[in-house]
Amino acid sequence: MSGYIYTIGREFGSGGMLVGHMLADKLNIPFYDKELLQKAAKESGFCEEILENHDEKPTSSFLYSLVMDTYSGGSYSSAPFLDMPINQKIFLAQFDAIKKIAEDHESCVIVGRCADYALAERKNVINIFLHADMEDRMRNVSTRLNITEKKAKDMCQKQDKQRSSYYNYYTSKKWGDSRNYDLCLNTSKISPEKCVDLIIDYSSAFSGK
């Protein structure tokens, strides 16, 4: 197996985007985050603004398992899909886009959006989760967005709750649980550059079994 697809889950402010970009650049492979929204918008017919407004946001409507049973990979014009709440339509659009990306690329990096779940049946996927101490995350977000550390902390907590609810709802697994990932890294103790090196080192020993 000559290439891997790297999925990155991340706490807000832990540097997931940075590590993802650096990994993709070092391996010279495609990177997908907002790019994934553009791809999903193009293929599903949703405007990108709608996708962004519902990006990684949980739904409170009926059980998703029922939706999957009725959708079963059908078209976006089928009755089951048209009857779904908007959040579930957005999830399925991104879900299909992730699977299509995996089919199109031997190797790439995908950040967030339950990519590990969407690609669970593939053998060449390495699932990574990045976390960090709250103090470091607060400083990172405060500096990046030019806001107070108090506001940055509130944003970290809000975004983590949103991502956790989204992931737990759609995957029936627990967001951030080490058992759901191949590699968990603490960016408070390891620099982004070292994270990239460790991921690449891990991939050289990865069996995919």
Protein backbone atom coordinates (compact mmCIF):
# COMPACT_ATOMS: atom_id res chain seq x y z
CA MET A 1 0.00 0.00 0.00
CA SER A 2 1.82 3.08 -1.24
CA GLY A 3 -0.24 5.91 0.25
CA TYR A 4 -2.35 6.81 3.25
CA ILE A 5 -5.32 9.03 3.93
CA TYR A 6 -4.81 11.00 7.15
CA THR A 7 -7.88 12.16 9.08
CA ILE A 8 -7.39 14.72 11.84
CA GLY A 9 -9.81 15.31 14.69
CA ARG A 10 -8.90 18.22 16.94
CA GLU A 11 -9.78 20.29 19.96
CA PHE A 12 -10.39 23.92 19.06
CA GLY A 13 -7.15 25.88 19.30
CA SER A 14 -4.91 22.80 19.37
CA GLY A 15 -3.41 23.49 15.95
CA GLY A 16 -5.21 20.86 13.90
CA MET A 17 -5.38 23.03 10.79
CA LEU A 18 -1.70 23.96 11.04
CA VAL A 19 -0.54 20.38 11.54
CA GLY A 20 -2.80 19.20 8.72
CA HIS A 21 -1.41 21.80 6.31
CA MET A 22 2.18 21.06 7.32
CA LEU A 23 1.66 17.31 6.92
CA ALA A 24 0.11 17.75 3.49
CA ASP A 25 2.90 20.12 2.41
CA LYS A 26 5.65 17.80 3.62
CA LEU A 27 4.14 14.77 1.87
CA ASN A 28 3.06 16.84 -1.16
CA ILE A 29 -0.51 15.54 -0.97
CA PRO A 30 -3.90 17.32 -1.12
CA PHE A 31 -5.37 18.98 2.00
CA TYR A 32 -9.12 19.19 2.65
CA ASP A 33 -10.95 21.36 5.18
CA LYS A 34 -12.90 24.28 3.72
CA GLU A 35 -12.00 22.76 0.37
CA LEU A 36 -14.23 19.85 1.33
CA LEU A 37 -17.17 22.23 1.74
CA GLN A 38 -16.59 23.56 -1.76
CA LYS A 39 -16.49 20.04 -3.18
CA ALA A 40 -19.65 19.02 -1.30
CA ALA A 41 -21.44 22.18 -2.44
CA LYS A 42 -20.56 21.58 -6.06
CA GLU A 43 -21.61 17.92 -6.08
CA SER A 44 -24.76 18.18 -3.96
CA GLY A 45 -26.18 21.43 -5.32
CA PHE A 46 -26.10 23.27 -1.96
CA CYS A 47 -24.64 26.74 -1.94
CA GLU A 48 -21.38 26.96 0.02
CA GLU A 49 -22.87 29.45 2.50
CA ILE A 50 -25.47 26.92 3.64
CA LEU A 51 -22.77 24.29 4.08
CA GLU A 52 -20.64 26.67 6.14
CA ASN A 53 -23.58 27.66 8.36
CA HIS A 54 -24.23 23.99 9.21
CA ASP A 55 -20.63 22.80 9.18
CA GLU A 56 -19.88 20.32 12.01
CA LYS A 57 -23.08 21.28 13.81
CA PRO A 58 -25.16 18.54 15.47
CA THR A 59 -28.83 18.00 14.75
CA SER A 60 -31.56 17.39 17.30
CA SER A 61 -33.94 15.67 14.91
CA PHE A 62 -34.84 11.97 14.61
CA LEU A 63 -32.27 9.21 14.89
CA TYR A 64 -29.64 9.33 12.18
CA SER A 65 -29.62 5.54 11.84
CA LEU A 66 -33.14 5.77 10.44
CA VAL A 67 -31.96 8.31 7.91
CA MET A 68 -29.10 6.10 6.77
CA ASP A 69 -31.47 3.16 6.42
CA THR A 70 -33.73 5.13 4.08
CA TYR A 71 -30.95 6.96 2.21
CA SER A 72 -28.50 4.08 1.68
CA GLY A 73 -26.31 6.09 -0.68
CA GLY A 74 -29.19 7.21 -2.89
CA SER A 75 -29.26 10.30 -5.03
CA TYR A 76 -29.83 13.84 -3.81
CA SER A 77 -33.10 13.94 -5.72
CA SER A 78 -34.57 10.82 -4.08
CA ALA A 79 -37.57 11.13 -1.74
CA PRO A 80 -35.73 9.99 1.43
CA PHE A 81 -33.06 12.65 0.94
CA LEU A 82 -35.52 15.43 0.12
CA ASP A 83 -37.48 14.68 3.29
CA MET A 84 -34.46 14.98 5.59
CA PRO A 85 -33.74 17.94 7.90
CA ILE A 86 -31.12 20.31 6.47
CA ASN A 87 -28.38 19.28 8.97
CA GLN A 88 -28.64 15.67 7.88
CA LYS A 89 -28.55 16.67 4.21
CA ILE A 90 -25.37 18.64 4.88
CA PHE A 91 -23.79 15.71 6.72
CA LEU A 92 -24.59 13.30 3.90
CA ALA A 93 -23.24 15.72 1.28
CA GLN A 94 -19.94 15.94 3.16
CA PHE A 95 -19.98 12.19 3.89
CA ASP A 96 -20.29 11.44 0.16
CA ALA A 97 -17.65 14.05 -0.70
CA ILE A 98 -15.17 12.45 1.74
CA LYS A 99 -15.72 9.00 0.23
CA LYS A 100 -15.30 10.42 -3.27
CA ILE A 101 -12.07 12.16 -2.27
CA ALA A 102 -10.74 8.86 -0.91
CA GLU A 103 -11.56 7.19 -4.21
CA ASP A 104 -9.90 9.94 -6.21
CA HIS A 105 -6.66 10.23 -4.21
CA GLU A 106 -4.06 7.68 -3.23
CA SER A 107 -3.18 9.91 -0.28
CA CYS A 108 -4.50 13.14 1.29
CA VAL A 109 -5.21 14.91 4.60
CA ILE A 110 -8.80 15.56 5.75
CA VAL A 111 -9.51 17.65 8.86
CA GLY A 112 -12.66 17.05 10.94
CA ARG A 113 -16.16 16.27 9.65
CA CYS A 114 -16.22 12.65 10.90
CA ALA A 115 -13.82 11.64 8.13
CA ASP A 116 -12.59 8.70 10.21
CA TYR A 117 -16.17 7.39 10.34
CA ALA A 118 -16.83 7.97 6.64
CA LEU A 119 -13.69 6.02 5.74
CA ALA A 120 -13.95 3.31 8.41
CA GLU A 121 -14.07 0.51 5.85
CA ARG A 122 -10.82 1.51 4.16
CA LYS A 123 -7.52 -0.07 5.23
CA ASN A 124 -5.23 2.79 4.24
CA VAL A 125 -6.62 5.40 6.69
CA ILE A 126 -4.67 6.75 9.68
CA ASN A 127 -6.88 8.53 12.21
CA ILE A 128 -5.25 11.21 14.36
CA PHE A 129 -6.58 13.32 17.24
CA LEU A 130 -4.86 16.50 18.45
CA HIS A 131 -5.46 18.01 21.87
CA ALA A 132 -3.76 20.57 24.10
CA ASP A 133 -3.94 22.21 27.51
CA MET A 134 -6.67 24.84 27.79
CA GLU A 135 -4.16 27.57 28.66
CA ASP A 136 -2.28 27.01 25.43
CA ARG A 137 -5.43 26.78 23.39
CA MET A 138 -6.70 30.03 24.91
CA ARG A 139 -3.47 31.81 23.96
CA ASN A 140 -3.50 30.39 20.45
CA VAL A 141 -7.08 31.47 19.79
CA SER A 142 -6.61 34.84 21.50
CA THR A 143 -3.59 35.61 19.31
CA ARG A 144 -5.11 34.28 16.08
CA LEU A 145 -8.45 36.09 16.45
CA ASN A 146 -7.23 39.12 18.43
CA ILE A 147 -9.68 38.57 21.29
CA THR A 148 -9.30 38.38 25.06
CA GLU A 149 -8.24 35.08 26.61
CA LYS A 150 -11.58 34.93 28.43
CA LYS A 151 -13.45 35.12 25.12
CA ALA A 152 -11.00 32.63 23.64
CA LYS A 153 -11.71 30.16 26.46
CA ASP A 154 -15.47 30.53 25.94
CA MET A 155 -14.97 29.91 22.22
CA CYS A 156 -12.83 26.82 22.85
CA GLN A 157 -15.46 25.35 25.14
CA LYS A 158 -18.30 26.14 22.76
CA GLN A 159 -16.53 24.76 19.70
CA ASP A 160 -15.44 21.61 21.54
CA LYS A 161 -18.99 20.98 22.70
CA GLN A 162 -20.29 21.47 19.18
CA ARG A 163 -17.70 19.18 17.61
CA SER A 164 -18.21 16.57 20.31
CA SER A 165 -22.00 16.57 19.89
CA TYR A 166 -21.67 16.36 16.11
CA TYR A 167 -19.17 13.48 16.19
CA ASN A 168 -20.93 11.52 18.95
CA TYR A 169 -24.30 11.87 17.25
CA TYR A 170 -23.31 10.75 13.77
CA THR A 171 -20.71 8.09 14.64
CA SER A 172 -22.13 6.64 17.88
CA LYS A 173 -18.57 6.90 19.23
CA LYS A 174 -17.01 9.30 21.72
CA TRP A 175 -15.14 12.30 20.34
CA GLY A 176 -11.58 12.47 21.70
CA ASP A 177 -11.59 8.90 23.06
CA SER A 178 -8.14 7.50 22.26
CA ARG A 179 -9.62 4.12 21.34
CA ASN A 180 -11.24 5.70 18.28
CA TYR A 181 -7.96 6.91 16.81
CA ASP A 182 -4.64 5.45 15.73
CA LEU A 183 -2.58 8.30 17.15
CA CYS A 184 -3.34 10.98 19.78
CA LEU A 185 -0.90 13.88 20.20
CA ASN A 186 -0.69 16.65 22.79
CA THR A 187 0.35 19.84 20.99
CA SER A 188 1.12 21.53 24.32
CA LYS A 189 4.10 19.17 24.62
CA ILE A 190 4.97 18.52 20.98
CA SER A 191 5.57 21.20 18.35
CA PRO A 192 3.60 21.12 15.08
CA GLU A 193 6.79 20.12 13.27
CA LYS A 194 7.37 17.18 15.65
CA CYS A 195 3.70 16.17 15.33
CA VAL A 196 4.18 15.91 11.57
CA ASP A 197 7.37 13.88 12.02
CA LEU A 198 5.65 11.51 14.46
CA ILE A 199 2.69 11.01 12.12
CA ILE A 200 5.01 10.18 9.24
CA ASP A 201 7.07 7.83 11.45
CA TYR A 202 3.87 6.14 12.57
CA SER A 203 2.68 5.70 8.98
CA SER A 204 5.90 3.83 8.14
CA ALA A 205 5.00 1.21 10.77
CA PHE A 206 1.23 1.22 10.17
CA SER A 207 -0.19 -2.13 9.09
CA GLY A 208 -3.80 -1.09 8.45
CA LYS A 209 -5.10 -4.36 9.88
